[in-house]
Amino acid sequence: MLRLLLLQVWASCLWLGHGEVVNSFASTCDQFFYQNMPAAKGLEPQNPAWICQTLNNQQFFATLYDKKERIPVYSAYIYQPGTGKRREEWMVEPQLIRDNLPKEMETEKTLRETYSVSQKAINDSQAVYQDYLKLKGLDRGHLNPVSHHDTQDGRDATFTLTNIVPQNTKLNSDAWNHYEQKTMPKKSKDCQTTYAIVGAVPGNSYIAGGRVNVPSHIWASACCKTKQNIVIAWGAIAENNQNKIQELTLGALEDKLAELYKRGPVSLFHEDCPRT
């Protein structure tokens, strides 16, 4: 009996050490949240997946994924802006298919040809490249943007479809792009380390024949300690059919998200991050 128990514990440890779709961010991938405190449960969908987004054996950000709507609820990352090439191929999360597949994001082609995974199995588990073809008025919108990473691996890691939502083309290229490229640098200029959480609220319409939800809103938040050791925080939100962003306090954003998600109180960051 003791030997059997030890074997069970050993097997469990092996799974935990290699699985990147995890049970929560409470003790895994919590480095992407301020003070190692993940966002509270008020954002969790009915069928969630917690993904430690991994490429080349390195974790780059954390994504709470809605398996029913096939879009991320949010991606949490450390803001480290940089420039470099944009990846051409899109990737998916193998462990949304089954947990004995690689812990690192892979292309659909690699899963089919190297791991003998059927395209149907990939399609059933998450959004795929085919879903985002023939879009009208919508883009593949990054929650964790490529430009917020200063290494090529970090930039490449954002090109997973578990980090993507159907985003209004005008919003993505104009007002939201301005937030990512101008507002974030301005607000975080005195930060020691900036922790960002960017998300999407499910809407009432779909692409790809009802497979992938089109969000009603896109939102962003951040918290950091400044070089003067003062903690600051901020938020922003945009309707996904308008080219306009509303900047607001962290507390106001959390209240707004609680109303929109209708899943309970929302707390994005540690209590040290100011809400007003």
Protein backbone atom coordinates (compact mmCIF):
# COMPACT_ATOMS: atom_id res chain seq x y z
CA MET A 1 0.00 0.00 0.00
CA LEU A 2 2.81 2.42 0.88
CA ARG A 3 4.55 1.66 -2.42
CA LEU A 4 1.32 2.34 -4.34
CA LEU A 5 0.84 5.63 -2.51
CA LEU A 6 4.38 6.72 -3.32
CA LEU A 7 3.87 5.86 -6.97
CA GLN A 8 0.69 7.95 -7.03
CA VAL A 9 2.48 10.92 -5.47
CA TRP A 10 5.38 10.54 -7.92
CA ALA A 11 3.01 10.45 -10.91
CA SER A 12 1.18 13.51 -9.62
CA CYS A 13 4.43 15.44 -9.28
CA LEU A 14 5.41 14.49 -12.81
CA TRP A 15 2.13 15.83 -14.18
CA LEU A 16 2.39 19.06 -12.22
CA GLY A 17 5.94 19.61 -13.37
CA HIS A 18 5.09 19.25 -17.03
CA GLY A 19 1.52 20.43 -17.39
CA GLU A 20 1.04 24.02 -18.53
CA VAL A 21 -2.75 23.94 -18.39
CA VAL A 22 -2.99 24.11 -14.62
CA ASN A 23 -5.64 24.08 -11.91
CA SER A 24 -5.20 27.75 -10.99
CA PHE A 25 -2.63 30.53 -10.94
CA ALA A 26 -2.42 30.40 -7.12
CA SER A 27 1.04 28.85 -7.13
CA THR A 28 1.85 28.48 -10.83
CA CYS A 29 2.51 31.44 -13.15
CA ASP A 30 1.78 33.82 -10.27
CA GLN A 31 4.95 35.76 -11.14
CA PHE A 32 2.91 37.63 -13.74
CA PHE A 33 0.64 39.18 -11.08
CA TYR A 34 1.47 42.03 -8.71
CA GLN A 35 2.61 40.60 -5.36
CA ASN A 36 2.01 37.13 -6.83
CA MET A 37 -1.74 37.53 -6.31
CA PRO A 38 -3.87 36.40 -9.30
CA ALA A 39 -7.12 38.11 -10.21
CA ALA A 40 -10.05 36.94 -8.07
CA LYS A 41 -12.79 34.53 -9.15
CA GLY A 42 -15.26 37.16 -10.37
CA LEU A 43 -13.91 36.75 -13.91
CA GLU A 44 -14.01 32.94 -14.14
CA PRO A 45 -16.27 31.46 -16.86
CA GLN A 46 -18.23 28.23 -16.49
CA ASN A 47 -15.63 26.23 -18.40
CA PRO A 48 -12.24 27.80 -17.63
CA ALA A 49 -8.67 26.82 -18.42
CA TRP A 50 -5.63 28.34 -16.73
CA ILE A 51 -2.73 28.46 -19.18
CA CYS A 52 0.92 29.17 -18.39
CA GLN A 53 1.87 30.42 -21.84
CA THR A 54 5.16 28.66 -22.57
CA LEU A 55 7.56 28.76 -25.51
CA ASN A 56 11.09 27.33 -25.76
CA ASN A 57 10.85 26.10 -22.17
CA GLN A 58 10.10 29.55 -20.76
CA GLN A 59 6.87 30.97 -19.34
CA PHE A 60 5.98 34.38 -20.76
CA PHE A 61 2.48 35.17 -19.48
CA ALA A 62 -0.68 33.70 -17.97
CA THR A 63 -4.04 33.37 -19.71
CA LEU A 64 -7.44 32.53 -18.27
CA TYR A 65 -9.23 30.92 -21.22
CA ASP A 66 -12.96 30.43 -21.77
CA LYS A 67 -13.22 27.01 -23.44
CA LYS A 68 -16.92 27.45 -24.24
CA GLU A 69 -16.59 30.83 -25.98
CA ARG A 70 -13.11 29.98 -27.36
CA ILE A 71 -11.62 33.32 -26.32
CA PRO A 72 -9.34 34.37 -23.46
CA VAL A 73 -10.94 36.08 -20.46
CA TYR A 74 -7.63 37.82 -19.81
CA SER A 75 -3.88 37.60 -20.28
CA ALA A 76 -1.58 38.75 -17.46
CA TYR A 77 2.00 39.75 -18.20
CA ILE A 78 4.91 41.97 -17.20
CA TYR A 79 5.19 45.04 -19.41
CA GLN A 80 8.62 45.11 -21.06
CA PRO A 81 8.24 46.99 -24.36
CA GLY A 82 10.57 46.36 -27.25
CA THR A 83 10.83 46.03 -31.00
CA GLY A 84 11.51 43.12 -33.32
CA LYS A 85 10.01 40.86 -35.96
CA ARG A 86 6.41 39.71 -35.92
CA ARG A 87 5.87 35.98 -36.06
CA GLU A 88 4.21 34.64 -39.22
CA GLU A 89 2.73 31.37 -37.93
CA TRP A 90 0.01 31.16 -35.31
CA MET A 91 0.05 28.62 -32.50
CA VAL A 92 -2.44 26.82 -30.26
CA GLU A 93 -2.34 25.24 -26.79
CA PRO A 94 -1.75 21.46 -27.01
CA GLN A 95 -2.84 20.69 -23.45
CA LEU A 96 -6.33 22.01 -24.08
CA ILE A 97 -6.65 18.89 -26.25
CA ARG A 98 -5.21 16.44 -23.72
CA ASP A 99 -2.72 16.77 -20.89
CA ASN A 100 -0.11 14.35 -22.23
CA LEU A 101 0.67 16.61 -25.18
CA PRO A 102 3.58 19.11 -25.06
CA LYS A 103 3.50 21.86 -22.43
CA GLU A 104 4.61 24.42 -25.02
CA MET A 105 2.42 26.13 -27.59
CA GLU A 106 2.66 24.51 -31.03
CA THR A 107 1.36 25.09 -34.55
CA GLU A 108 -1.62 23.08 -35.70
CA LYS A 109 0.61 21.53 -38.40
CA THR A 110 3.09 20.29 -35.80
CA LEU A 111 0.32 18.74 -33.72
CA ARG A 112 -1.08 16.95 -36.76
CA GLU A 113 2.21 15.75 -38.26
CA THR A 114 4.44 15.18 -35.22
CA TYR A 115 1.93 14.17 -32.56
CA SER A 116 -0.77 12.60 -34.77
CA VAL A 117 -3.51 14.84 -33.40
CA SER A 118 -6.55 15.10 -35.65
CA GLN A 119 -7.67 18.53 -36.83
CA LYS A 120 -11.09 17.76 -35.33
CA ALA A 121 -9.53 17.27 -31.90
CA ILE A 122 -7.76 20.61 -32.19
CA ASN A 123 -10.93 22.34 -33.40
CA ASP A 124 -13.02 20.89 -30.59
CA SER A 125 -10.64 22.17 -27.91
CA GLN A 126 -10.12 25.83 -28.87
CA ALA A 127 -10.13 28.50 -31.57
CA VAL A 128 -8.01 27.66 -34.62
CA TYR A 129 -6.46 29.59 -37.50
CA GLN A 130 -9.36 28.75 -39.83
CA ASP A 131 -11.79 30.52 -37.47
CA TYR A 132 -10.11 33.87 -38.11
CA LEU A 133 -10.13 33.74 -41.90
CA LYS A 134 -12.61 35.85 -43.91
CA LEU A 135 -13.17 38.33 -41.09
CA LYS A 136 -15.24 41.43 -41.91
CA GLY A 137 -14.54 44.52 -39.82
CA LEU A 138 -12.64 42.43 -37.26
CA ASP A 139 -8.97 41.63 -36.63
CA ARG A 140 -7.08 39.02 -34.66
CA GLY A 141 -6.65 41.24 -31.61
CA HIS A 142 -3.87 40.43 -29.13
CA LEU A 143 -4.75 40.86 -25.46
CA ASN A 144 -1.07 40.60 -24.52
CA PRO A 145 0.42 42.66 -27.38
CA VAL A 146 3.56 41.73 -29.26
CA SER A 147 5.08 45.18 -28.73
CA HIS A 148 5.02 44.80 -24.93
CA HIS A 149 7.88 42.27 -24.99
CA ASP A 150 11.57 42.99 -25.47
CA THR A 151 12.77 39.54 -26.56
CA GLN A 152 11.96 37.68 -29.76
CA ASP A 153 10.73 34.62 -27.85
CA GLY A 154 8.47 36.86 -25.78
CA ARG A 155 7.06 38.47 -28.90
CA ASP A 156 6.58 35.10 -30.58
CA ALA A 157 4.76 33.75 -27.53
CA THR A 158 1.96 36.29 -27.98
CA PHE A 159 1.08 34.63 -31.30
CA THR A 160 -1.06 31.93 -29.76
CA LEU A 161 -4.76 31.92 -30.55
CA THR A 162 -5.47 31.51 -26.83
CA ASN A 163 -4.28 35.14 -26.52
CA ILE A 164 -6.50 36.40 -29.37
CA VAL A 165 -10.04 37.78 -29.65
CA PRO A 166 -12.03 39.08 -32.62
CA GLN A 167 -11.42 42.82 -32.22
CA ASN A 168 -12.97 45.70 -34.13
CA THR A 169 -10.52 46.62 -36.90
CA LYS A 170 -10.72 50.38 -36.37
CA LEU A 171 -10.38 50.08 -32.59
CA ASN A 172 -7.44 47.68 -32.91
CA SER A 173 -5.48 49.87 -35.31
CA ASP A 174 -6.33 53.27 -33.82
CA ALA A 175 -7.56 53.96 -30.28
CA TRP A 176 -6.45 50.66 -28.76
CA ASN A 177 -3.12 50.85 -30.53
CA HIS A 178 -2.69 54.36 -29.08
CA TYR A 179 -3.30 52.96 -25.60
CA GLU A 180 -0.72 50.22 -26.12
CA GLN A 181 1.94 52.42 -27.73
CA LYS A 182 1.42 55.83 -26.06
CA THR A 183 -0.67 55.56 -22.89
CA MET A 184 1.12 52.56 -21.38
CA PRO A 185 4.63 54.06 -21.75
CA LYS A 186 3.42 57.37 -20.31
CA LYS A 187 1.67 55.90 -17.29
CA SER A 188 4.43 53.40 -16.50
CA LYS A 189 7.45 55.66 -17.05
CA ASP A 190 8.30 55.76 -13.32
CA CYS A 191 7.44 52.12 -12.60
CA GLN A 192 9.96 49.61 -11.32
CA THR A 193 8.00 46.67 -12.76
CA THR A 194 4.61 47.08 -14.44
CA TYR A 195 2.10 44.25 -14.10
CA ALA A 196 -0.63 44.28 -16.74
CA ILE A 197 -3.89 42.36 -17.12
CA VAL A 198 -5.80 42.79 -20.39
CA GLY A 199 -9.13 41.10 -21.03
CA ALA A 200 -12.32 40.77 -23.03
CA VAL A 201 -15.99 40.57 -22.06
CA PRO A 202 -18.02 38.00 -24.05
CA GLY A 203 -20.60 39.52 -26.37
CA ASN A 204 -23.72 38.29 -28.17
CA SER A 205 -22.27 37.60 -31.62
CA TYR A 206 -19.90 35.02 -33.07
CA ILE A 207 -17.59 34.30 -35.97
CA ALA A 208 -16.80 31.00 -37.70
CA GLY A 209 -20.36 29.72 -37.67
CA GLY A 210 -20.86 30.30 -33.95
CA ARG A 211 -17.56 28.84 -32.82
CA VAL A 212 -15.77 31.95 -31.50
CA ASN A 213 -17.34 34.72 -29.44
CA VAL A 214 -16.95 38.36 -30.46
CA PRO A 215 -16.35 40.37 -27.24
CA SER A 216 -18.60 43.27 -26.35
CA HIS A 217 -15.74 45.08 -24.59
CA ILE A 218 -11.94 45.04 -24.45
CA TRP A 219 -10.31 46.22 -21.23
CA ALA A 220 -6.87 46.79 -19.74
CA SER A 221 -5.41 47.35 -16.28
CA ALA A 222 -2.02 47.75 -14.66
CA CYS A 223 -0.37 48.15 -11.27
CA CYS A 224 3.19 48.97 -10.27
CA LYS A 225 5.44 50.35 -7.59
CA THR A 226 7.20 53.51 -8.72
CA LYS A 227 10.86 54.34 -8.25
CA GLN A 228 9.68 56.43 -5.28
CA ASN A 229 8.05 53.27 -3.82
CA ILE A 230 4.53 54.57 -4.38
CA VAL A 231 2.02 52.03 -5.70
CA ILE A 232 -0.06 53.26 -8.65
CA ALA A 233 -2.72 51.60 -10.79
CA TRP A 234 -5.00 52.40 -13.71
CA GLY A 235 -7.61 50.95 -16.04
CA ALA A 236 -9.14 51.39 -19.48
CA ILE A 237 -12.10 49.93 -21.37
CA ALA A 238 -13.56 50.15 -24.86
CA GLU A 239 -16.72 48.91 -26.52
CA ASN A 240 -15.71 46.53 -29.27
CA ASN A 241 -17.78 48.30 -31.91
CA GLN A 242 -16.44 51.81 -31.34
CA ASN A 243 -13.07 53.47 -31.80
CA LYS A 244 -13.01 55.05 -28.36
CA ILE A 245 -11.29 54.19 -25.06
CA GLN A 246 -12.40 55.29 -21.61
CA GLU A 247 -9.58 55.65 -19.09
CA LEU A 248 -10.67 55.14 -15.49
CA THR A 249 -9.46 54.19 -12.04
CA LEU A 250 -8.77 50.58 -11.16
CA GLY A 251 -11.74 50.55 -8.78
CA ALA A 252 -14.10 51.95 -11.41
CA LEU A 253 -12.91 49.35 -13.91
CA GLU A 254 -13.44 46.51 -11.45
CA ASP A 255 -16.97 47.73 -10.72
CA LYS A 256 -17.70 48.00 -14.44
CA LEU A 257 -16.40 44.49 -15.10
CA ALA A 258 -18.51 43.07 -12.27
CA GLU A 259 -21.58 44.55 -13.99
CA LEU A 260 -20.59 43.28 -17.43
CA TYR A 261 -19.48 39.74 -16.55
CA LYS A 262 -22.18 39.15 -13.91
CA ARG A 263 -19.96 36.55 -12.23
CA GLY A 264 -19.50 38.24 -8.86
CA PRO A 265 -17.14 40.89 -7.45
CA VAL A 266 -14.02 41.56 -9.52
CA SER A 267 -10.59 42.16 -8.00
CA LEU A 268 -7.80 42.37 -10.55
CA PHE A 269 -4.84 43.11 -8.28
CA HIS A 270 -3.49 42.88 -4.74
CA GLU A 271 -5.16 45.19 -2.23
CA ASP A 272 -2.05 47.44 -2.22
CA CYS A 273 -2.96 48.65 -5.71
CA PRO A 274 -5.05 51.83 -5.27
CA ARG A 275 -8.65 51.70 -6.46
CA THR A 276 -9.20 55.48 -6.60
